Amino acid sequence: MSLLFTIAASSADYLISAPRIWLPRLVSLAVALVLTRLALRCSFRSYSQLVIRLVDSHTERKRASTTETYSLADVVGLRVVRTSRKGIREVTARFADGRRLSMNGVEEFERLEQELRSRLPANVTSTEAREPIDYDHPLFYVVFGLITGVAFTFAVRAMATLSQSGMKWATLAIACYSAILGAGVLLTRPLSQRYGAKSRFGDLALGLFALLAGILVAVRSFLS
């Protein structure tokens, strides 16, 4: 809501001068945000069924009828991310075959982390990181939305002042960013890494969309 409010307020002159162009775009953004929130709610209901089991020699991740098994003897690295309040946000185990198992939102997280460390080989590399900001603060995303909305509006205003050549290079930069983001998602598979094999379709759909969108925008920019 703070994002929409800030964009609408900081682009009021655009809305007044060209309402047929800017109002539908703002409405489309609002609809997209609502649909995204609904999709997240459905995803969280599914993610809440995920179960992590720590057995003597392996870890099991079960979601619905799908069970994945990870041998603790194959772990080569462990990374723990803590919140600004020193709670555990995420634990990621890296395996010799390149796979990664990320765990977050686990009940009794401190106990799980301690039990996991005690069962890993002695040569496992362990690192810890702490978040610099309290992302769980109620006002964090409100402020984040305000900053993002202002930055978005200023970016649009800046692009409107560019020459044809400048606009072309700016479009290519956006296209490259989208393509790199899509390729990164396809390679790292952040959803399935955290929520199991059932999330592979989400990684594939998101990665391909960003990658193909970047390529399409780049091609159109070169041809124009």
Protein backbone atom coordinates (compact mmCIF):
# COMPACT_ATOMS: atom_id res chain seq x y z
CA MET A 1 0.00 0.00 0.00
CA SER A 2 2.84 2.41 0.80
CA LEU A 3 4.38 1.66 -2.61
CA LEU A 4 1.16 2.48 -4.47
CA PHE A 5 0.50 5.58 -2.37
CA THR A 6 4.00 6.94 -2.97
CA ILE A 7 3.93 6.31 -6.72
CA ALA A 8 0.50 7.93 -7.03
CA ALA A 9 1.49 10.94 -4.92
CA SER A 10 4.87 11.53 -6.58
CA SER A 11 3.44 11.18 -10.07
CA ALA A 12 0.29 13.26 -9.51
CA ASP A 13 1.25 15.66 -12.31
CA TYR A 14 1.51 12.74 -14.74
CA LEU A 15 -1.89 11.44 -13.64
CA ILE A 16 -3.45 14.88 -14.22
CA SER A 17 -1.77 15.58 -17.56
CA ALA A 18 -2.20 12.11 -19.09
CA PRO A 19 -4.78 10.14 -17.04
CA ARG A 20 -5.57 7.74 -19.91
CA ILE A 21 -1.94 6.58 -19.91
CA TRP A 22 -0.93 6.67 -16.25
CA LEU A 23 -4.14 5.70 -14.46
CA PRO A 24 -4.45 2.26 -16.17
CA ARG A 25 -0.77 1.60 -15.37
CA LEU A 26 -1.26 2.42 -11.73
CA VAL A 27 -4.38 0.24 -11.57
CA SER A 28 -2.47 -2.59 -13.28
CA LEU A 29 0.28 -2.29 -10.68
CA ALA A 30 -2.29 -2.43 -7.88
CA VAL A 31 -3.90 -5.54 -9.39
CA ALA A 32 -0.48 -7.16 -9.81
CA LEU A 33 0.38 -6.50 -6.15
CA VAL A 34 -2.96 -7.96 -4.99
CA LEU A 35 -2.49 -11.09 -7.13
CA THR A 36 1.06 -11.45 -5.84
CA ARG A 37 -0.14 -11.29 -2.25
CA LEU A 38 -2.83 -13.90 -2.92
CA ALA A 39 -0.23 -16.16 -4.54
CA LEU A 40 2.06 -15.75 -1.52
CA ARG A 41 -0.75 -16.67 0.86
CA CYS A 42 -1.43 -19.85 -1.09
CA SER A 43 2.28 -20.64 -1.17
CA PHE A 44 2.68 -20.12 2.57
CA ARG A 45 -0.18 -22.53 3.25
CA SER A 46 1.66 -25.12 1.20
CA TYR A 47 5.04 -24.30 2.76
CA SER A 48 3.59 -24.71 6.27
CA GLN A 49 3.19 -28.44 5.52
CA LEU A 50 6.93 -28.83 5.02
CA VAL A 51 8.65 -31.05 7.58
CA ILE A 52 12.38 -31.27 8.36
CA ARG A 53 13.60 -34.42 10.08
CA LEU A 54 17.15 -34.79 11.40
CA VAL A 55 18.17 -38.45 11.63
CA ASP A 56 21.52 -39.87 12.73
CA SER A 57 23.13 -40.02 9.29
CA HIS A 58 20.90 -37.87 7.09
CA THR A 59 18.32 -35.10 6.91
CA GLU A 60 14.88 -35.57 5.42
CA ARG A 61 12.73 -32.83 3.93
CA LYS A 62 9.13 -33.85 3.38
CA ARG A 63 6.39 -31.84 1.70
CA ALA A 64 3.10 -33.62 1.08
CA SER A 65 4.00 -37.00 -0.49
CA THR A 66 7.48 -35.94 -1.66
CA THR A 67 10.48 -36.80 0.53
CA GLU A 68 14.07 -35.73 -0.15
CA THR A 69 17.05 -37.26 1.65
CA TYR A 70 20.39 -35.54 2.24
CA SER A 71 23.36 -37.44 3.67
CA LEU A 72 25.14 -35.54 6.46
CA ALA A 73 28.44 -37.20 5.50
CA ASP A 74 28.33 -35.30 2.18
CA VAL A 75 28.06 -31.84 3.77
CA VAL A 76 31.07 -29.64 2.97
CA GLY A 77 29.81 -26.27 4.21
CA LEU A 78 27.29 -24.80 6.64
CA ARG A 79 26.06 -21.20 6.65
CA VAL A 80 23.89 -19.71 9.37
CA VAL A 81 22.10 -16.39 8.87
CA ARG A 82 20.94 -14.62 12.02
CA THR A 83 18.51 -11.74 12.38
CA SER A 84 19.50 -8.41 13.92
CA ARG A 85 17.97 -9.76 17.14
CA LYS A 86 20.35 -12.77 17.00
CA GLY A 87 17.64 -15.29 16.14
CA ILE A 88 18.25 -17.76 13.31
CA ARG A 89 16.80 -16.75 9.97
CA GLU A 90 18.16 -19.54 7.81
CA VAL A 91 20.57 -22.48 7.86
CA THR A 92 22.04 -23.65 4.56
CA ALA A 93 24.00 -26.88 4.14
CA ARG A 94 26.16 -27.20 1.03
CA PHE A 95 26.89 -30.70 -0.26
CA ALA A 96 29.79 -32.21 -2.20
CA ASP A 97 27.62 -32.81 -5.30
CA GLY A 98 26.70 -29.09 -5.50
CA ARG A 99 23.25 -29.39 -3.94
CA ARG A 100 22.11 -26.99 -1.23
CA LEU A 101 19.56 -27.49 1.52
CA SER A 102 18.21 -24.29 3.07
CA MET A 103 16.00 -24.37 6.14
CA ASN A 104 14.01 -21.44 7.51
CA GLY A 105 10.97 -20.87 9.68
CA VAL A 106 11.72 -24.07 11.61
CA GLU A 107 10.28 -24.66 15.08
CA GLU A 108 13.01 -24.99 17.74
CA PHE A 109 15.53 -23.59 15.25
CA GLU A 110 18.33 -23.20 17.79
CA ARG A 111 18.04 -26.83 18.80
CA LEU A 112 18.03 -27.97 15.18
CA GLU A 113 21.13 -25.92 14.40
CA GLN A 114 23.01 -27.33 17.39
CA GLU A 115 22.00 -30.90 16.63
CA LEU A 116 23.00 -30.46 13.00
CA ARG A 117 26.44 -29.10 13.89
CA SER A 118 27.09 -31.99 16.29
CA ARG A 119 26.46 -34.57 13.55
CA LEU A 120 28.50 -33.02 10.75
CA PRO A 121 32.05 -34.11 9.81
CA ALA A 122 34.82 -32.21 11.59
CA ASN A 123 36.18 -30.75 8.34
CA VAL A 124 32.95 -28.93 7.43
CA THR A 125 33.43 -25.19 6.86
CA SER A 126 31.02 -23.17 9.01
CA THR A 127 30.20 -19.48 8.59
CA GLU A 128 27.74 -17.08 10.21
CA ALA A 129 26.20 -13.84 8.93
CA ARG A 130 23.95 -11.31 10.63
CA GLU A 131 21.32 -9.18 8.93
CA PRO A 132 22.14 -5.46 9.29
CA ILE A 133 18.47 -4.42 9.45
CA ASP A 134 15.49 -5.66 11.44
CA TYR A 135 13.44 -6.97 8.52
CA ASP A 136 10.76 -8.22 10.92
CA HIS A 137 9.93 -4.75 12.25
CA PRO A 138 6.30 -3.82 11.45
CA LEU A 139 7.37 -0.56 9.79
CA PHE A 140 10.19 -2.00 7.66
CA TYR A 141 8.12 -2.74 4.55
CA VAL A 142 6.15 0.47 4.95
CA VAL A 143 9.37 2.49 4.75
CA PHE A 144 10.73 0.18 2.04
CA GLY A 145 7.60 0.80 -0.03
CA LEU A 146 7.97 4.58 0.35
CA ILE A 147 11.61 4.52 -0.74
CA THR A 148 10.91 2.15 -3.65
CA GLY A 149 7.96 4.25 -4.84
CA VAL A 150 9.99 7.47 -4.86
CA ALA A 151 12.91 5.75 -6.61
CA PHE A 152 10.58 4.29 -9.25
CA THR A 153 8.97 7.65 -10.00
CA PHE A 154 12.31 9.45 -10.21
CA ALA A 155 13.62 6.72 -12.55
CA VAL A 156 10.63 7.19 -14.87
CA ARG A 157 11.11 10.96 -14.83
CA ALA A 158 14.82 10.59 -15.57
CA MET A 159 14.17 8.21 -18.48
CA ALA A 160 11.63 10.66 -19.93
CA THR A 161 14.41 13.25 -20.30
CA LEU A 162 16.81 10.92 -22.11
CA SER A 163 17.64 11.22 -25.78
CA GLN A 164 16.77 8.41 -28.17
CA SER A 165 20.27 6.98 -27.81
CA GLY A 166 20.16 7.30 -24.03
CA MET A 167 16.76 5.61 -23.88
CA LYS A 168 18.13 2.74 -25.96
CA TRP A 169 21.04 2.17 -23.58
CA ALA A 170 18.79 2.43 -20.53
CA THR A 171 16.44 -0.15 -22.06
CA LEU A 172 19.36 -2.46 -22.79
CA ALA A 173 20.55 -2.14 -19.19
CA ILE A 174 17.10 -3.15 -17.91
CA ALA A 175 17.00 -6.03 -20.38
CA CYS A 176 20.43 -7.28 -19.28
CA TYR A 177 19.42 -7.09 -15.63
CA SER A 178 16.26 -9.10 -16.32
CA ALA A 179 18.15 -11.73 -18.32
CA ILE A 180 20.87 -12.09 -15.66
CA LEU A 181 18.22 -12.34 -12.93
CA GLY A 182 16.38 -15.05 -14.86
CA ALA A 183 19.56 -17.03 -15.51
CA GLY A 184 20.48 -16.74 -11.84
CA VAL A 185 17.12 -18.12 -10.73
CA LEU A 186 17.40 -21.04 -13.17
CA LEU A 187 20.90 -21.88 -11.92
CA THR A 188 20.45 -21.41 -8.16
CA ARG A 189 16.77 -22.48 -7.91
CA PRO A 190 16.09 -20.49 -4.71
CA LEU A 191 12.55 -21.79 -4.17
CA SER A 192 13.26 -25.51 -4.51
CA GLN A 193 16.44 -25.05 -2.48
CA ARG A 194 14.29 -23.86 0.43
CA TYR A 195 10.90 -25.52 -0.09
CA GLY A 196 11.57 -28.79 -1.86
CA ALA A 197 11.14 -30.41 -5.24
CA LYS A 198 7.51 -29.28 -5.55
CA SER A 199 8.76 -25.70 -5.99
CA ARG A 200 10.84 -26.48 -9.08
CA PHE A 201 8.05 -25.27 -11.36
CA GLY A 202 8.10 -21.89 -9.62
CA ASP A 203 11.85 -21.57 -10.18
CA LEU A 204 11.45 -22.60 -13.82
CA ALA A 205 8.52 -20.26 -14.51
CA LEU A 206 10.09 -17.24 -12.77
CA GLY A 207 13.53 -17.81 -14.30
CA LEU A 208 12.28 -18.34 -17.85
CA PHE A 209 9.94 -15.36 -17.66
CA ALA A 210 12.71 -12.98 -16.56
CA LEU A 211 15.23 -14.44 -19.00
CA LEU A 212 12.93 -14.38 -22.05
CA ALA A 213 11.59 -10.94 -21.15
CA GLY A 214 15.15 -9.59 -21.02
CA ILE A 215 16.03 -11.16 -24.37
CA LEU A 216 12.83 -9.87 -26.00
CA VAL A 217 13.33 -6.32 -24.72
CA ALA A 218 16.98 -6.36 -25.86
CA VAL A 219 16.05 -7.57 -29.35
CA ARG A 220 13.31 -4.96 -29.70
CA SER A 221 15.73 -2.26 -28.56
CA PHE A 222 18.31 -3.28 -31.17
CA LEU A 223 15.70 -3.42 -33.95
CA SER A 224 14.12 -0.06 -33.12
